[in-house]
Amino acid sequence: MRRRDLLAAPLALAFIASTALAGPEWEEPTGEDAGNSLETAFNVSTGGSGHVGVIKGRLTGNSGGSGFLEGDFQDLFRINIVNPEEFLAQTELVSNGLGDPMLFLFDRDGTGLAASNDRGDSDPQSKLAANDANWPLNLEAGIYYLAITSATSEAMGRYNNEVGPIFQMGLSEHQIGQWGPSGQFAQAPLDGWSPPTEPDNIGEYEILLNGVGSVPAPGAIALLVPLAIGVRRRRR
């Protein structure tokens, strides 16, 4: 390969990677707060059936309530995954933004599929990917829920009138990268969140997306055939 081609190849790959994550932006409406439950989640739609490349929003902490548990530390979104094998959601640090986020993915019934805390030892941003080596996802096209939280606000599920963590994120082996649900509450649907570690870990955020399209209008969602969504469980 000629030197000019050697120099051009990385630039071309970088351009492809950037454009894959580019696309219309969806932003949390000013003065409104995306809910943190399945019932109050915001639909992510830029109109039509086009690609959605970015979710923008904010966690404002205790501004909405007087107690540590009552503030805005979690946002939950209803998303439409149209290219399951290419699905990617990753946070990027913005100026004066949320410094340490967590990401969670749930199926349309609220059952946990994957979670991410830190991308690396020195990278507190989060990333969920269908082809993750540690916890690969076997998704089908359809409606899912994507959550961003102030670390370490963790997804909680209810089972036999008890509430506990769906993802066991406190285990040291799961602090880095992507992992799946485990333990007693692994199959319990989302039923709330644990409090974050630091109440000041709030601010603006951006979630870059790939493989995601606009959520159809409510009437169209009702017509979608329910999907059997599976996840390949890691053997222990």
C-alpha atoms as a PDB file:
ATOM      1  CA  MET A   1       0.000   0.000   0.000  1.00  0.00           C
ATOM      2  CA  ARG A   2       1.319   3.455  -0.898  1.00  0.00           C
ATOM      3  CA  ARG A   3       2.218   5.901   1.892  1.00  0.00           C
ATOM      4  CA  ARG A   4      -0.611   8.212   0.812  1.00  0.00           C
ATOM      5  CA  ASP A   5      -3.065   5.315   1.151  1.00  0.00           C
ATOM      6  CA  LEU A   6      -1.628   4.395   4.544  1.00  0.00           C
ATOM      7  CA  LEU A   7      -2.241   7.927   5.760  1.00  0.00           C
ATOM      8  CA  ALA A   8      -5.709   8.105   4.250  1.00  0.00           C
ATOM      9  CA  ALA A   9      -6.980   4.806   5.658  1.00  0.00           C
ATOM     10  CA  PRO A  10      -7.065   5.869   9.352  1.00  0.00           C
ATOM     11  CA  LEU A  11      -8.763   9.125   8.386  1.00  0.00           C
ATOM     12  CA  ALA A  12     -11.385   7.239   6.414  1.00  0.00           C
ATOM     13  CA  LEU A  13     -12.029   4.858   9.294  1.00  0.00           C
ATOM     14  CA  ALA A  14     -12.314   7.768  11.707  1.00  0.00           C
ATOM     15  CA  PHE A  15     -14.791   9.473   9.377  1.00  0.00           C
ATOM     16  CA  ILE A  16     -16.879   6.295   9.114  1.00  0.00           C
ATOM     17  CA  ALA A  17     -16.896   5.888  12.899  1.00  0.00           C
ATOM     18  CA  SER A  18     -17.936   9.489  13.471  1.00  0.00           C
ATOM     19  CA  THR A  19     -20.675   9.460  10.852  1.00  0.00           C
ATOM     20  CA  ALA A  20     -22.038   6.175  12.191  1.00  0.00           C
ATOM     21  CA  LEU A  21     -22.802   7.968  15.445  1.00  0.00           C
ATOM     22  CA  ALA A  22     -23.912  11.188  13.772  1.00  0.00           C
ATOM     23  CA  GLY A  23     -27.513  11.991  13.133  1.00  0.00           C
ATOM     24  CA  PRO A  24     -30.481  13.923  14.413  1.00  0.00           C
ATOM     25  CA  GLU A  25     -30.391  14.899  18.055  1.00  0.00           C
ATOM     26  CA  TRP A  26     -33.153  14.426  20.604  1.00  0.00           C
ATOM     27  CA  GLU A  27     -32.981  16.724  23.630  1.00  0.00           C
ATOM     28  CA  GLU A  28     -34.885  16.589  26.894  1.00  0.00           C
ATOM     29  CA  PRO A  29     -37.376  19.471  26.611  1.00  0.00           C
ATOM     30  CA  THR A  30     -36.495  22.586  28.591  1.00  0.00           C
ATOM     31  CA  GLY A  31     -38.375  22.676  31.879  1.00  0.00           C
ATOM     32  CA  GLU A  32     -39.344  18.999  31.641  1.00  0.00           C
ATOM     33  CA  ASP A  33     -37.741  15.979  33.248  1.00  0.00           C
ATOM     34  CA  ALA A  34     -37.581  12.505  31.749  1.00  0.00           C
ATOM     35  CA  GLY A  35     -39.084  10.164  34.323  1.00  0.00           C
ATOM     36  CA  ASN A  36     -37.269   7.289  35.995  1.00  0.00           C
ATOM     37  CA  SER A  37     -40.017   4.646  35.709  1.00  0.00           C
ATOM     38  CA  LEU A  38     -41.425   2.655  32.795  1.00  0.00           C
ATOM     39  CA  GLU A  39     -44.632   4.668  33.006  1.00  0.00           C
ATOM     40  CA  THR A  40     -42.936   8.082  32.930  1.00  0.00           C
ATOM     41  CA  ALA A  41     -40.137   7.372  30.431  1.00  0.00           C
ATOM     42  CA  PHE A  42     -39.834   9.821  27.540  1.00  0.00           C
ATOM     43  CA  ASN A  43     -40.145   8.614  23.937  1.00  0.00           C
ATOM     44  CA  VAL A  44     -37.044   9.379  21.878  1.00  0.00           C
ATOM     45  CA  SER A  45     -38.237  10.475  18.442  1.00  0.00           C
ATOM     46  CA  THR A  46     -36.983  13.045  15.961  1.00  0.00           C
ATOM     47  CA  GLY A  47     -40.004  12.580  13.722  1.00  0.00           C
ATOM     48  CA  GLY A  48     -40.523  10.129  10.913  1.00  0.00           C
ATOM     49  CA  SER A  49     -38.424   6.982  10.846  1.00  0.00           C
ATOM     50  CA  GLY A  50     -34.972   8.530  10.681  1.00  0.00           C
ATOM     51  CA  HIS A  51     -31.881   7.648  12.653  1.00  0.00           C
ATOM     52  CA  VAL A  52     -31.422   9.071  16.159  1.00  0.00           C
ATOM     53  CA  GLY A  53     -27.779   9.827  16.846  1.00  0.00           C
ATOM     54  CA  VAL A  54     -27.715  11.652  20.188  1.00  0.00           C
ATOM     55  CA  ILE A  55     -29.786  11.984  23.347  1.00  0.00           C
ATOM     56  CA  LYS A  56     -29.125  15.178  25.309  1.00  0.00           C
ATOM     57  CA  GLY A  57     -30.416  15.851  28.781  1.00  0.00           C
ATOM     58  CA  ARG A  58     -29.579  16.776  32.337  1.00  0.00           C
ATOM     59  CA  LEU A  59     -29.680  15.410  35.864  1.00  0.00           C
ATOM     60  CA  THR A  60     -30.434  18.210  38.295  1.00  0.00           C
ATOM     61  CA  GLY A  61     -30.056  16.378  41.592  1.00  0.00           C
ATOM     62  CA  ASN A  62     -32.210  17.490  44.526  1.00  0.00           C
ATOM     63  CA  SER A  63     -33.774  20.472  42.809  1.00  0.00           C
ATOM     64  CA  GLY A  64     -37.050  18.564  42.488  1.00  0.00           C
ATOM     65  CA  GLY A  65     -37.335  17.469  46.105  1.00  0.00           C
ATOM     66  CA  SER A  66     -35.998  17.910  49.603  1.00  0.00           C
ATOM     67  CA  GLY A  67     -34.744  14.364  50.114  1.00  0.00           C
ATOM     68  CA  PHE A  68     -31.724  12.589  48.644  1.00  0.00           C
ATOM     69  CA  LEU A  69     -33.973   9.948  47.064  1.00  0.00           C
ATOM     70  CA  GLU A  70     -36.475  12.438  45.658  1.00  0.00           C
ATOM     71  CA  GLY A  71     -34.284  14.413  43.281  1.00  0.00           C
ATOM     72  CA  ASP A  72     -33.479  14.009  39.594  1.00  0.00           C
ATOM     73  CA  PHE A  73     -30.690  11.423  39.556  1.00  0.00           C
ATOM     74  CA  GLN A  74     -32.068   9.112  36.843  1.00  0.00           C
ATOM     75  CA  ASP A  75     -33.548   9.604  33.365  1.00  0.00           C
ATOM     76  CA  LEU A  76     -35.292   6.803  31.491  1.00  0.00           C
ATOM     77  CA  PHE A  77     -35.991   6.799  27.753  1.00  0.00           C
ATOM     78  CA  ARG A  78     -38.051   4.613  25.455  1.00  0.00           C
ATOM     79  CA  ILE A  79     -35.958   3.905  22.349  1.00  0.00           C
ATOM     80  CA  ASN A  80     -36.493   2.026  19.099  1.00  0.00           C
ATOM     81  CA  ILE A  81     -33.582  -0.264  18.192  1.00  0.00           C
ATOM     82  CA  VAL A  82     -33.764  -0.792  14.428  1.00  0.00           C
ATOM     83  CA  ASN A  83     -30.329  -2.350  13.791  1.00  0.00           C
ATOM     84  CA  PRO A  84     -29.778  -4.686  16.774  1.00  0.00           C
ATOM     85  CA  GLU A  85     -26.341  -5.944  15.722  1.00  0.00           C
ATOM     86  CA  GLU A  86     -25.081  -2.360  15.496  1.00  0.00           C
ATOM     87  CA  PHE A  87     -26.618  -1.074  18.719  1.00  0.00           C
ATOM     88  CA  LEU A  88     -24.362   1.220  20.696  1.00  0.00           C
ATOM     89  CA  ALA A  89     -24.990   3.759  23.435  1.00  0.00           C
ATOM     90  CA  GLN A  90     -22.113   5.634  25.017  1.00  0.00           C
ATOM     91  CA  THR A  91     -21.824   8.747  27.115  1.00  0.00           C
ATOM     92  CA  GLU A  92     -19.459  11.594  26.327  1.00  0.00           C
ATOM     93  CA  LEU A  93     -18.295  14.161  28.865  1.00  0.00           C
ATOM     94  CA  VAL A  94     -19.508  17.670  28.076  1.00  0.00           C
ATOM     95  CA  SER A  95     -18.482  20.974  29.630  1.00  0.00           C
ATOM     96  CA  ASN A  96     -19.766  21.229  33.228  1.00  0.00           C
ATOM     97  CA  GLY A  97     -21.495  17.916  32.617  1.00  0.00           C
ATOM     98  CA  LEU A  98     -22.282  14.707  34.461  1.00  0.00           C
ATOM     99  CA  GLY A  99     -18.842  13.372  35.342  1.00  0.00           C
ATOM    100  CA  ASP A 100     -19.657   9.807  36.341  1.00  0.00           C
ATOM    101  CA  PRO A 101     -22.758   8.321  34.660  1.00  0.00           C
ATOM    102  CA  MET A 102     -24.114   4.791  34.478  1.00  0.00           C
ATOM    103  CA  LEU A 103     -26.132   3.301  31.601  1.00  0.00           C
ATOM    104  CA  PHE A 104     -28.796   0.578  31.765  1.00  0.00           C
ATOM    105  CA  LEU A 105     -30.712  -1.251  29.030  1.00  0.00           C
ATOM    106  CA  PHE A 106     -34.070  -2.952  29.624  1.00  0.00           C
ATOM    107  CA  ASP A 107     -36.467  -4.811  27.344  1.00  0.00           C
ATOM    108  CA  ARG A 108     -39.991  -3.507  26.697  1.00  0.00           C
ATOM    109  CA  ASP A 109     -41.223  -5.227  29.886  1.00  0.00           C
ATOM    110  CA  GLY A 110     -38.575  -3.583  32.061  1.00  0.00           C
ATOM    111  CA  THR A 111     -36.403  -6.678  32.483  1.00  0.00           C
ATOM    112  CA  GLY A 112     -32.710  -5.824  32.741  1.00  0.00           C
ATOM    113  CA  LEU A 113     -30.449  -6.700  29.806  1.00  0.00           C
ATOM    114  CA  ALA A 114     -27.156  -4.885  30.379  1.00  0.00           C
ATOM    115  CA  ALA A 115     -25.507  -2.216  32.498  1.00  0.00           C
ATOM    116  CA  SER A 116     -22.310  -0.197  32.329  1.00  0.00           C
ATOM    117  CA  ASN A 117     -20.447   1.767  34.956  1.00  0.00           C
ATOM    118  CA  ASP A 118     -16.910   2.788  33.902  1.00  0.00           C
ATOM    119  CA  ARG A 119     -15.445   2.198  30.449  1.00  0.00           C
ATOM    120  CA  GLY A 120     -11.976   1.758  31.943  1.00  0.00           C
ATOM    121  CA  ASP A 121      -9.803   2.210  35.020  1.00  0.00           C
ATOM    122  CA  SER A 122      -9.379   5.914  34.295  1.00  0.00           C
ATOM    123  CA  ASP A 123     -12.531   6.484  32.233  1.00  0.00           C
ATOM    124  CA  PRO A 124     -15.734   7.021  34.270  1.00  0.00           C
ATOM    125  CA  GLN A 125     -17.922   7.339  31.169  1.00  0.00           C
ATOM    126  CA  SER A 126     -20.228   4.442  30.216  1.00  0.00           C
ATOM    127  CA  LYS A 127     -20.784   2.299  27.132  1.00  0.00           C
ATOM    128  CA  LEU A 128     -23.317  -0.351  26.094  1.00  0.00           C
ATOM    129  CA  ALA A 129     -22.727  -2.346  22.910  1.00  0.00           C
ATOM    130  CA  ALA A 130     -24.438  -5.302  21.283  1.00  0.00           C
ATOM    131  CA  ASN A 131     -21.102  -6.935  20.473  1.00  0.00           C
ATOM    132  CA  ASP A 132     -19.467  -6.420  23.874  1.00  0.00           C
ATOM    133  CA  ALA A 133     -16.924  -9.187  24.522  1.00  0.00           C
ATOM    134  CA  ASN A 134     -17.757  -9.513  28.217  1.00  0.00           C
ATOM    135  CA  TRP A 135     -21.557  -9.545  27.912  1.00  0.00           C
ATOM    136  CA  PRO A 136     -22.735  -9.730  24.277  1.00  0.00           C
ATOM    137  CA  LEU A 137     -26.394  -9.025  23.596  1.00  0.00           C
ATOM    138  CA  ASN A 138     -28.677 -11.007  21.308  1.00  0.00           C
ATOM    139  CA  LEU A 139     -31.231  -8.313  20.569  1.00  0.00           C
ATOM    140  CA  GLU A 140     -34.086  -8.120  18.108  1.00  0.00           C
ATOM    141  CA  ALA A 141     -35.487  -4.967  16.556  1.00  0.00           C
ATOM    142  CA  GLY A 142     -38.084  -3.271  18.723  1.00  0.00           C
ATOM    143  CA  ILE A 143     -38.798  -1.053  21.712  1.00  0.00           C
ATOM    144  CA  TYR A 144     -36.391  -0.928  24.658  1.00  0.00           C
ATOM    145  CA  TYR A 145     -35.690   1.317  27.639  1.00  0.00           C
ATOM    146  CA  LEU A 146     -32.380   3.120  28.085  1.00  0.00           C
ATOM    147  CA  ALA A 147     -31.523   4.762  31.413  1.00  0.00           C
ATOM    148  CA  ILE A 148     -28.751   7.083  32.513  1.00  0.00           C
ATOM    149  CA  THR A 149     -28.076   7.607  36.212  1.00  0.00           C
ATOM    150  CA  SER A 150     -25.735   9.394  38.558  1.00  0.00           C
ATOM    151  CA  ALA A 151     -23.279   6.713  39.714  1.00  0.00           C
ATOM    152  CA  THR A 152     -23.814   4.601  41.542  1.00  0.00           C
ATOM    153  CA  SER A 153     -27.605   4.816  41.361  1.00  0.00           C
ATOM    154  CA  GLU A 154     -28.499   1.246  40.513  1.00  0.00           C
ATOM    155  CA  ALA A 155     -31.582  -0.386  38.976  1.00  0.00           C
ATOM    156  CA  MET A 156     -33.704  -2.196  41.558  1.00  0.00           C
ATOM    157  CA  GLY A 157     -36.237  -4.968  41.010  1.00  0.00           C
ATOM    158  CA  ARG A 158     -39.014  -6.472  43.117  1.00  0.00           C
ATOM    159  CA  TYR A 159     -39.311 -10.227  43.713  1.00  0.00           C
ATOM    160  CA  ASN A 160     -41.539 -11.916  46.329  1.00  0.00           C
ATOM    161  CA  ASN A 161     -42.250  -8.521  47.925  1.00  0.00           C
ATOM    162  CA  GLU A 162     -38.534  -7.856  48.306  1.00  0.00           C
ATOM    163  CA  VAL A 163     -36.528  -5.203  46.465  1.00  0.00           C
ATOM    164  CA  GLY A 164     -32.918  -5.637  45.432  1.00  0.00           C
ATOM    165  CA  PRO A 165     -30.321  -4.858  42.725  1.00  0.00           C
ATOM    166  CA  ILE A 166     -30.932  -6.295  39.276  1.00  0.00           C
ATOM    167  CA  PHE A 167     -27.311  -6.048  38.140  1.00  0.00           C
ATOM    168  CA  GLN A 168     -25.248  -6.550  41.315  1.00  0.00           C
ATOM    169  CA  MET A 169     -23.037  -3.642  40.252  1.00  0.00           C
ATOM    170  CA  GLY A 170     -21.396  -3.571  43.672  1.00  0.00           C
ATOM    171  CA  LEU A 171     -19.406  -6.713  42.890  1.00  0.00           C
ATOM    172  CA  SER A 172     -15.781  -5.774  42.275  1.00  0.00           C
ATOM    173  CA  GLU A 173     -15.577  -7.917  39.126  1.00  0.00           C
ATOM    174  CA  HIS A 174     -18.319  -5.795  37.553  1.00  0.00           C
ATOM    175  CA  GLN A 175     -16.965  -2.324  38.146  1.00  0.00           C
ATOM    176  CA  ILE A 176     -15.420  -1.966  34.682  1.00  0.00           C
ATOM    177  CA  GLY A 177     -17.151  -2.520  31.345  1.00  0.00           C
ATOM    178  CA  GLN A 178     -20.521  -4.042  30.488  1.00  0.00           C
ATOM    179  CA  TRP A 179     -22.290  -6.759  32.440  1.00  0.00           C
ATOM    180  CA  GLY A 180     -25.658  -8.419  32.723  1.00  0.00           C
ATOM    181  CA  PRO A 181     -28.234  -9.092  35.446  1.00  0.00           C
ATOM    182  CA  SER A 182     -27.414 -11.612  38.143  1.00  0.00           C
ATOM    183  CA  GLY A 183     -28.602 -12.792  41.535  1.00  0.00           C
ATOM    184  CA  GLN A 184     -32.045 -13.100  43.062  1.00  0.00           C
ATOM    185  CA  PHE A 185     -33.484 -10.071  41.249  1.00  0.00           C
ATOM    186  CA  ALA A 186     -31.978 -10.712  37.805  1.00  0.00           C
ATOM    187  CA  GLN A 187     -35.351 -11.333  36.144  1.00  0.00           C
ATOM    188  CA  ALA A 188     -37.338  -8.837  38.229  1.00  0.00           C
ATOM    189  CA  PRO A 189     -38.672  -5.854  36.261  1.00  0.00           C
ATOM    190  CA  LEU A 190     -37.448  -2.360  37.084  1.00  0.00           C
ATOM    191  CA  ASP A 191     -39.042  -1.115  40.318  1.00  0.00           C
ATOM    192  CA  GLY A 192     -36.927   1.874  41.319  1.00  0.00           C
ATOM    193  CA  TRP A 193     -33.375   3.043  41.920  1.00  0.00           C
ATOM    194  CA  SER A 194     -30.862   3.074  44.730  1.00  0.00           C
ATOM    195  CA  PRO A 195     -29.473   6.491  45.736  1.00  0.00           C
ATOM    196  CA  PRO A 196     -26.308   7.730  43.992  1.00  0.00           C
ATOM    197  CA  THR A 197     -23.004   7.841  45.817  1.00  0.00           C
ATOM    198  CA  GLU A 198     -22.399  11.571  45.377  1.00  0.00           C
ATOM    199  CA  PRO A 199     -25.325  14.045  45.359  1.00  0.00           C
ATOM    200  CA  ASP A 200     -23.170  16.546  43.456  1.00  0.00           C
ATOM    201  CA  ASN A 201     -22.598  14.124  40.556  1.00  0.00           C
ATOM    202  CA  ILE A 202     -25.140  15.842  38.312  1.00  0.00           C
ATOM    203  CA  GLY A 203     -25.185  17.984  35.166  1.00  0.00           C
ATOM    204  CA  GLU A 204     -25.644  17.882  31.401  1.00  0.00           C
ATOM    205  CA  TYR A 205     -25.018  14.682  29.461  1.00  0.00           C
ATOM    206  CA  GLU A 206     -24.878  13.361  25.916  1.00  0.00           C
ATOM    207  CA  ILE A 207     -25.541   9.750  24.919  1.00  0.00           C
ATOM    208  CA  LEU A 208     -24.228   8.898  21.449  1.00  0.00           C
ATOM    209  CA  LEU A 209     -26.310   6.229  19.713  1.00  0.00           C
ATOM    210  CA  ASN A 210     -26.000   3.810  16.845  1.00  0.00           C
ATOM    211  CA  GLY A 211     -28.631   1.420  15.486  1.00  0.00           C
ATOM    212  CA  VAL A 212     -31.484   3.495  16.938  1.00  0.00           C
ATOM    213  CA  GLY A 213     -34.440   5.047  15.121  1.00  0.00           C
ATOM    214  CA  SER A 214     -37.362   7.181  16.221  1.00  0.00           C
ATOM    215  CA  VAL A 215     -40.008   5.633  18.463  1.00  0.00           C
ATOM    216  CA  PRO A 216     -43.238   5.265  16.442  1.00  0.00           C
ATOM    217  CA  ALA A 217     -46.404   7.080  17.443  1.00  0.00           C
ATOM    218  CA  PRO A 218     -48.306   5.389  20.320  1.00  0.00           C
ATOM    219  CA  GLY A 219     -50.831   3.801  17.951  1.00  0.00           C
ATOM    220  CA  ALA A 220     -48.057   2.307  15.852  1.00  0.00           C
ATOM    221  CA  ILE A 221     -46.298   0.902  18.930  1.00  0.00           C
ATOM    222  CA  ALA A 222     -49.460  -0.948  19.910  1.00  0.00           C
ATOM    223  CA  LEU A 223     -49.475  -2.675  16.525  1.00  0.00           C
ATOM    224  CA  LEU A 224     -45.935  -3.991  16.846  1.00  0.00           C
ATOM    225  CA  VAL A 225     -45.710  -7.744  17.339  1.00  0.00           C
ATOM    226  CA  PRO A 226     -44.284  -8.488  20.799  1.00  0.00           C
ATOM    227  CA  LEU A 227     -40.669  -9.515  20.473  1.00  0.00           C
ATOM    228  CA  ALA A 228     -39.004 -12.420  22.190  1.00  0.00           C
ATOM    229  CA  ILE A 229     -35.879 -10.678  23.363  1.00  0.00           C
ATOM    230  CA  GLY A 230     -33.084 -12.954  24.494  1.00  0.00           C
ATOM    231  CA  VAL A 231     -29.735 -12.339  26.073  1.00  0.00           C
ATOM    232  CA  ARG A 232     -26.896 -14.815  26.001  1.00  0.00           C
ATOM    233  CA  ARG A 233     -26.114 -15.491  29.636  1.00  0.00           C
ATOM    234  CA  ARG A 234     -22.487 -15.815  30.614  1.00  0.00           C
ATOM    235  CA  ARG A 235     -21.584 -19.115  32.246  1.00  0.00           C
ATOM    236  CA  ARG A 236     -20.080 -18.838  35.683  1.00  0.00           C
END
